[in-house]
Amino acid sequence: MSSENAPSGRKRDAAATRAAILTAAQELFAERGYERATVRDIAARAGVNQALLFRYFGSKDDLFRAAIADRGRRVLADGPVDGLLARLLARSLTPADTTTQGYWLQAALRSGGHDEGASAIRRELGEEYIRALSELTDEPDGALRADLLLSWLLGIGLMRSVHRREPLASADPADVARHVLRAAHALLPGVDTNFPPA
């Protein structure tokens, strides 16, 4: 019996270690962007050494892609497609000190100048989100409509959390979301306009 339990114990430890590294990476990429978030600091925050981090993720680029994909796919899986935009808004409009909630957007905004970071964001977030959101209209240009909305969302995040432009920076998240969702409904009629999402 103990011989059967040992492998599962190791697997649980491996899963916990991987999750700790991902969480640390998500936080630091959000706080500092791709360039300034070092592998050494990520490993230290996760409580592991760099060699173990590389064993799990291979390289800093691979870790960045995994960190973006992990959160992005969890948002997709959190509920029905019609509420995806509201879920994205709920996470991206949170106060700046809760970076773990909206980390993917912060990471996107702070890493946009890095080619690998930008391409990872497009692949890991954009394509999957566009595919999902484009299902919310019968129009043939559904992918374009979804892409427009995601671009707008990134712009809102940039103005609100990076440039801190008023009145957007201090606006109530529910007010911002209400306006965005009403406008989004014109492009994607299947969008659920309720906020916060159920």
C-alpha atoms as a PDB file:
ATOM      1  CA  MET A   1       0.000   0.000   0.000  1.00  0.00           C
ATOM      2  CA  SER A   2       2.786   2.417   0.876  1.00  0.00           C
ATOM      3  CA  SER A   3       4.494   1.753  -2.460  1.00  0.00           C
ATOM      4  CA  GLU A   4       1.291   2.837  -4.231  1.00  0.00           C
ATOM      5  CA  ASN A   5       0.996   5.938  -2.115  1.00  0.00           C
ATOM      6  CA  ALA A   6       4.540   7.158  -2.716  1.00  0.00           C
ATOM      7  CA  PRO A   7       4.149   7.950  -6.423  1.00  0.00           C
ATOM      8  CA  SER A   8       0.863   9.773  -5.833  1.00  0.00           C
ATOM      9  CA  GLY A   9       2.514  11.735  -3.015  1.00  0.00           C
ATOM     10  CA  ARG A  10       5.315  12.755  -5.362  1.00  0.00           C
ATOM     11  CA  LYS A  11       2.781  13.767  -7.987  1.00  0.00           C
ATOM     12  CA  ARG A  12       0.912  15.916  -5.494  1.00  0.00           C
ATOM     13  CA  ASP A  13       4.196  17.567  -4.475  1.00  0.00           C
ATOM     14  CA  ALA A  14       5.103  18.134  -8.128  1.00  0.00           C
ATOM     15  CA  ALA A  15       1.704  19.684  -8.832  1.00  0.00           C
ATOM     16  CA  ALA A  16       1.997  21.955  -5.797  1.00  0.00           C
ATOM     17  CA  THR A  17       5.520  23.020  -6.795  1.00  0.00           C
ATOM     18  CA  ARG A  18       4.450  23.769 -10.346  1.00  0.00           C
ATOM     19  CA  ALA A  19       1.464  25.765  -9.085  1.00  0.00           C
ATOM     20  CA  ALA A  20       3.688  27.755  -6.703  1.00  0.00           C
ATOM     21  CA  ILE A  21       6.081  28.631  -9.526  1.00  0.00           C
ATOM     22  CA  LEU A  22       3.204  29.662 -11.794  1.00  0.00           C
ATOM     23  CA  THR A  23       1.653  31.849  -9.101  1.00  0.00           C
ATOM     24  CA  ALA A  24       4.975  33.558  -8.374  1.00  0.00           C
ATOM     25  CA  ALA A  25       5.567  34.111 -12.082  1.00  0.00           C
ATOM     26  CA  GLN A  26       2.078  35.528 -12.588  1.00  0.00           C
ATOM     27  CA  GLU A  27       2.550  37.994  -9.739  1.00  0.00           C
ATOM     28  CA  LEU A  28       6.012  39.144 -10.778  1.00  0.00           C
ATOM     29  CA  PHE A  29       5.240  39.433 -14.491  1.00  0.00           C
ATOM     30  CA  ALA A  30       2.217  41.534 -13.510  1.00  0.00           C
ATOM     31  CA  GLU A  31       4.228  43.724 -11.143  1.00  0.00           C
ATOM     32  CA  ARG A  32       7.335  44.198 -13.288  1.00  0.00           C
ATOM     33  CA  GLY A  33       6.682  43.033 -16.848  1.00  0.00           C
ATOM     34  CA  TYR A  34       8.613  40.357 -18.720  1.00  0.00           C
ATOM     35  CA  GLU A  35      12.006  42.063 -18.853  1.00  0.00           C
ATOM     36  CA  ARG A  36      12.294  43.096 -15.199  1.00  0.00           C
ATOM     37  CA  ALA A  37      10.862  39.909 -13.670  1.00  0.00           C
ATOM     38  CA  THR A  38      13.937  37.722 -13.184  1.00  0.00           C
ATOM     39  CA  VAL A  39      13.947  33.945 -12.978  1.00  0.00           C
ATOM     40  CA  ARG A  40      15.910  34.231  -9.736  1.00  0.00           C
ATOM     41  CA  ASP A  41      13.201  36.384  -8.144  1.00  0.00           C
ATOM     42  CA  ILE A  42      10.405  34.140  -9.399  1.00  0.00           C
ATOM     43  CA  ALA A  43      12.138  31.060  -7.982  1.00  0.00           C
ATOM     44  CA  ALA A  44      12.735  32.832  -4.666  1.00  0.00           C
ATOM     45  CA  ARG A  45       9.110  33.891  -4.358  1.00  0.00           C
ATOM     46  CA  ALA A  46       7.996  30.330  -5.138  1.00  0.00           C
ATOM     47  CA  GLY A  47      10.423  28.930  -2.556  1.00  0.00           C
ATOM     48  CA  VAL A  48      12.358  26.813  -5.051  1.00  0.00           C
ATOM     49  CA  ASN A  49      15.774  27.009  -6.700  1.00  0.00           C
ATOM     50  CA  GLN A  50      16.286  28.105 -10.303  1.00  0.00           C
ATOM     51  CA  ALA A  51      17.303  24.630 -11.440  1.00  0.00           C
ATOM     52  CA  LEU A  52      13.934  23.250 -10.334  1.00  0.00           C
ATOM     53  CA  LEU A  53      12.106  26.086 -12.089  1.00  0.00           C
ATOM     54  CA  PHE A  54      13.932  25.297 -15.331  1.00  0.00           C
ATOM     55  CA  ARG A  55      13.181  21.601 -14.900  1.00  0.00           C
ATOM     56  CA  TYR A  56       9.470  22.374 -14.839  1.00  0.00           C
ATOM     57  CA  PHE A  57       9.326  25.113 -17.462  1.00  0.00           C
ATOM     58  CA  GLY A  58      12.485  24.976 -19.576  1.00  0.00           C
ATOM     59  CA  SER A  59      13.058  28.712 -20.051  1.00  0.00           C
ATOM     60  CA  LYS A  60      11.799  32.114 -18.996  1.00  0.00           C
ATOM     61  CA  ASP A  61       9.850  32.396 -22.270  1.00  0.00           C
ATOM     62  CA  ASP A  62       8.180  29.041 -21.648  1.00  0.00           C
ATOM     63  CA  LEU A  63       7.321  30.090 -18.101  1.00  0.00           C
ATOM     64  CA  PHE A  64       5.796  33.351 -19.340  1.00  0.00           C
ATOM     65  CA  ARG A  65       3.649  31.489 -21.871  1.00  0.00           C
ATOM     66  CA  ALA A  66       2.538  28.998 -19.226  1.00  0.00           C
ATOM     67  CA  ALA A  67       1.701  31.771 -16.751  1.00  0.00           C
ATOM     68  CA  ILE A  68      -0.421  33.623 -19.305  1.00  0.00           C
ATOM     69  CA  ALA A  69      -2.106  30.450 -20.547  1.00  0.00           C
ATOM     70  CA  ASP A  70      -2.877  29.168 -17.048  1.00  0.00           C
ATOM     71  CA  ARG A  71      -4.832  32.221 -15.977  1.00  0.00           C
ATOM     72  CA  GLY A  72      -6.378  32.792 -19.376  1.00  0.00           C
ATOM     73  CA  ARG A  73      -7.741  29.277 -19.610  1.00  0.00           C
ATOM     74  CA  ARG A  74      -9.075  29.413 -16.072  1.00  0.00           C
ATOM     75  CA  VAL A  75     -11.062  32.529 -16.972  1.00  0.00           C
ATOM     76  CA  LEU A  76     -12.457  30.710 -20.009  1.00  0.00           C
ATOM     77  CA  ALA A  77     -13.389  27.696 -17.913  1.00  0.00           C
ATOM     78  CA  ASP A  78     -14.968  29.729 -15.095  1.00  0.00           C
ATOM     79  CA  GLY A  79     -18.380  29.942 -16.759  1.00  0.00           C
ATOM     80  CA  PRO A  80     -20.356  30.140 -19.995  1.00  0.00           C
ATOM     81  CA  VAL A  81     -18.965  31.956 -23.016  1.00  0.00           C
ATOM     82  CA  ASP A  82     -21.646  34.657 -22.902  1.00  0.00           C
ATOM     83  CA  GLY A  83     -20.240  35.828 -19.544  1.00  0.00           C
ATOM     84  CA  LEU A  84     -16.578  35.773 -20.627  1.00  0.00           C
ATOM     85  CA  LEU A  85     -16.351  39.509 -21.302  1.00  0.00           C
ATOM     86  CA  ALA A  86     -17.888  40.312 -17.910  1.00  0.00           C
ATOM     87  CA  ARG A  87     -15.405  37.943 -16.221  1.00  0.00           C
ATOM     88  CA  LEU A  88     -12.491  39.599 -18.003  1.00  0.00           C
ATOM     89  CA  LEU A  89     -13.761  43.007 -16.944  1.00  0.00           C
ATOM     90  CA  ALA A  90     -14.228  41.864 -13.355  1.00  0.00           C
ATOM     91  CA  ARG A  91     -10.590  40.789 -13.214  1.00  0.00           C
ATOM     92  CA  SER A  92      -9.055  43.679 -15.125  1.00  0.00           C
ATOM     93  CA  LEU A  93     -10.919  46.433 -13.282  1.00  0.00           C
ATOM     94  CA  THR A  94      -9.821  45.351  -9.799  1.00  0.00           C
ATOM     95  CA  PRO A  95      -7.609  47.748  -7.801  1.00  0.00           C
ATOM     96  CA  ALA A  96      -3.918  47.777  -8.681  1.00  0.00           C
ATOM     97  CA  ASP A  97      -2.910  46.132  -5.376  1.00  0.00           C
ATOM     98  CA  THR A  98      -4.749  42.926  -6.253  1.00  0.00           C
ATOM     99  CA  THR A  99      -2.495  42.017  -9.167  1.00  0.00           C
ATOM    100  CA  THR A 100      -3.159  38.309  -8.871  1.00  0.00           C
ATOM    101  CA  GLN A 101      -6.742  38.915 -10.028  1.00  0.00           C
ATOM    102  CA  GLY A 102      -6.010  40.924 -13.145  1.00  0.00           C
ATOM    103  CA  TYR A 103      -2.428  39.768 -13.544  1.00  0.00           C
ATOM    104  CA  TRP A 104      -2.776  38.645 -17.157  1.00  0.00           C
ATOM    105  CA  LEU A 105      -3.790  42.120 -18.259  1.00  0.00           C
ATOM    106  CA  GLN A 106      -1.038  43.751 -16.201  1.00  0.00           C
ATOM    107  CA  ALA A 107       1.487  41.312 -17.635  1.00  0.00           C
ATOM    108  CA  ALA A 108       0.239  42.059 -21.149  1.00  0.00           C
ATOM    109  CA  LEU A 109       0.517  45.809 -20.672  1.00  0.00           C
ATOM    110  CA  ARG A 110       3.924  45.703 -19.009  1.00  0.00           C
ATOM    111  CA  SER A 111       5.404  43.199 -21.476  1.00  0.00           C
ATOM    112  CA  GLY A 112       3.973  44.502 -24.748  1.00  0.00           C
ATOM    113  CA  GLY A 113       7.355  45.776 -25.947  1.00  0.00           C
ATOM    114  CA  HIS A 114       8.896  42.339 -25.644  1.00  0.00           C
ATOM    115  CA  ASP A 115       8.382  40.381 -28.859  1.00  0.00           C
ATOM    116  CA  GLU A 116       8.168  36.978 -27.198  1.00  0.00           C
ATOM    117  CA  GLY A 117       5.862  38.335 -24.525  1.00  0.00           C
ATOM    118  CA  ALA A 118       3.592  40.005 -27.074  1.00  0.00           C
ATOM    119  CA  SER A 119       3.389  36.915 -29.264  1.00  0.00           C
ATOM    120  CA  ALA A 120       2.647  34.737 -26.219  1.00  0.00           C
ATOM    121  CA  ILE A 121      -0.192  37.040 -25.253  1.00  0.00           C
ATOM    122  CA  ARG A 122      -1.614  36.911 -28.767  1.00  0.00           C
ATOM    123  CA  ARG A 123      -1.376  33.131 -28.902  1.00  0.00           C
ATOM    124  CA  GLU A 124      -2.356  32.183 -25.398  1.00  0.00           C
ATOM    125  CA  LEU A 125      -5.022  34.800 -24.760  1.00  0.00           C
ATOM    126  CA  GLY A 126      -6.138  36.371 -27.991  1.00  0.00           C
ATOM    127  CA  GLU A 127      -6.758  33.391 -30.186  1.00  0.00           C
ATOM    128  CA  GLU A 128      -8.690  31.377 -27.622  1.00  0.00           C
ATOM    129  CA  TYR A 129     -10.718  34.364 -26.448  1.00  0.00           C
ATOM    130  CA  ILE A 130     -11.474  35.466 -30.000  1.00  0.00           C
ATOM    131  CA  ARG A 131     -12.639  31.962 -30.895  1.00  0.00           C
ATOM    132  CA  ALA A 132     -14.908  31.888 -27.856  1.00  0.00           C
ATOM    133  CA  LEU A 133     -16.316  35.410 -28.198  1.00  0.00           C
ATOM    134  CA  SER A 134     -16.914  35.107 -31.941  1.00  0.00           C
ATOM    135  CA  GLU A 135     -19.530  32.463 -31.143  1.00  0.00           C
ATOM    136  CA  LEU A 136     -21.704  35.223 -29.696  1.00  0.00           C
ATOM    137  CA  THR A 137     -22.714  36.570 -33.100  1.00  0.00           C
ATOM    138  CA  ASP A 138     -24.012  35.063 -36.331  1.00  0.00           C
ATOM    139  CA  GLU A 139     -22.255  37.716 -38.405  1.00  0.00           C
ATOM    140  CA  PRO A 140     -19.451  36.485 -40.711  1.00  0.00           C
ATOM    141  CA  ASP A 141     -16.942  38.936 -39.190  1.00  0.00           C
ATOM    142  CA  GLY A 142     -17.349  37.588 -35.663  1.00  0.00           C
ATOM    143  CA  ALA A 143     -13.606  37.192 -35.152  1.00  0.00           C
ATOM    144  CA  LEU A 144     -13.031  40.853 -36.050  1.00  0.00           C
ATOM    145  CA  ARG A 145     -15.759  41.965 -33.654  1.00  0.00           C
ATOM    146  CA  ALA A 146     -14.252  39.868 -30.849  1.00  0.00           C
ATOM    147  CA  ASP A 147     -10.782  41.218 -31.592  1.00  0.00           C
ATOM    148  CA  LEU A 148     -12.057  44.798 -31.470  1.00  0.00           C
ATOM    149  CA  LEU A 149     -13.554  44.206 -28.031  1.00  0.00           C
ATOM    150  CA  LEU A 150     -10.403  42.581 -26.671  1.00  0.00           C
ATOM    151  CA  SER A 151      -8.317  45.463 -28.037  1.00  0.00           C
ATOM    152  CA  TRP A 152     -10.648  47.902 -26.314  1.00  0.00           C
ATOM    153  CA  LEU A 153     -10.310  45.978 -23.067  1.00  0.00           C
ATOM    154  CA  LEU A 154      -6.515  46.185 -23.240  1.00  0.00           C
ATOM    155  CA  GLY A 155      -6.766  49.919 -23.968  1.00  0.00           C
ATOM    156  CA  ILE A 156      -9.010  50.426 -20.956  1.00  0.00           C
ATOM    157  CA  GLY A 157      -6.499  48.576 -18.801  1.00  0.00           C
ATOM    158  CA  LEU A 158      -3.653  50.677 -20.154  1.00  0.00           C
ATOM    159  CA  MET A 159      -5.394  53.967 -19.447  1.00  0.00           C
ATOM    160  CA  ARG A 160      -6.764  52.859 -16.071  1.00  0.00           C
ATOM    161  CA  SER A 161      -3.916  50.973 -14.441  1.00  0.00           C
ATOM    162  CA  VAL A 162      -0.719  52.064 -16.190  1.00  0.00           C
ATOM    163  CA  HIS A 163      -1.300  55.696 -17.219  1.00  0.00           C
ATOM    164  CA  ARG A 164      -3.936  56.224 -14.486  1.00  0.00           C
ATOM    165  CA  ARG A 165      -5.867  58.608 -16.658  1.00  0.00           C
ATOM    166  CA  GLU A 166      -8.853  60.308 -15.087  1.00  0.00           C
ATOM    167  CA  PRO A 167     -11.771  59.970 -14.898  1.00  0.00           C
ATOM    168  CA  LEU A 168     -11.244  56.332 -15.916  1.00  0.00           C
ATOM    169  CA  ALA A 169      -8.624  55.520 -13.270  1.00  0.00           C
ATOM    170  CA  SER A 170     -10.908  56.240 -10.332  1.00  0.00           C
ATOM    171  CA  ALA A 171     -14.202  55.254 -11.946  1.00  0.00           C
ATOM    172  CA  ASP A 172     -16.310  52.620 -10.224  1.00  0.00           C
ATOM    173  CA  PRO A 173     -15.593  49.235 -11.874  1.00  0.00           C
ATOM    174  CA  ALA A 174     -19.336  48.517 -12.120  1.00  0.00           C
ATOM    175  CA  ASP A 175     -19.922  51.766 -14.020  1.00  0.00           C
ATOM    176  CA  VAL A 176     -17.078  51.058 -16.439  1.00  0.00           C
ATOM    177  CA  ALA A 177     -18.237  47.489 -16.968  1.00  0.00           C
ATOM    178  CA  ARG A 178     -21.848  48.545 -17.544  1.00  0.00           C
ATOM    179  CA  HIS A 179     -20.840  50.944 -20.341  1.00  0.00           C
ATOM    180  CA  VAL A 180     -18.449  48.443 -21.935  1.00  0.00           C
ATOM    181  CA  LEU A 181     -20.933  45.573 -21.850  1.00  0.00           C
ATOM    182  CA  ARG A 182     -23.733  47.671 -23.332  1.00  0.00           C
ATOM    183  CA  ALA A 183     -21.464  48.722 -26.198  1.00  0.00           C
ATOM    184  CA  ALA A 184     -20.177  45.155 -26.588  1.00  0.00           C
ATOM    185  CA  HIS A 185     -23.729  43.916 -27.011  1.00  0.00           C
ATOM    186  CA  ALA A 186     -23.988  45.910 -30.250  1.00  0.00           C
ATOM    187  CA  LEU A 187     -21.059  43.960 -31.682  1.00  0.00           C
ATOM    188  CA  LEU A 188     -21.742  40.581 -30.075  1.00  0.00           C
ATOM    189  CA  PRO A 189     -25.483  40.237 -29.368  1.00  0.00           C
ATOM    190  CA  GLY A 190     -24.911  37.091 -27.328  1.00  0.00           C
ATOM    191  CA  VAL A 191     -22.867  38.907 -24.656  1.00  0.00           C
ATOM    192  CA  ASP A 192     -24.320  38.710 -21.152  1.00  0.00           C
ATOM    193  CA  THR A 193     -24.508  42.342 -19.985  1.00  0.00           C
ATOM    194  CA  ASN A 194     -24.901  41.488 -16.271  1.00  0.00           C
ATOM    195  CA  PHE A 195     -22.121  42.701 -13.972  1.00  0.00           C
ATOM    196  CA  PRO A 196     -20.678  41.355 -11.814  1.00  0.00           C
ATOM    197  CA  PRO A 197     -20.863  38.051 -13.670  1.00  0.00           C
ATOM    198  CA  ALA A 198     -22.845  35.259 -12.053  1.00  0.00           C
END
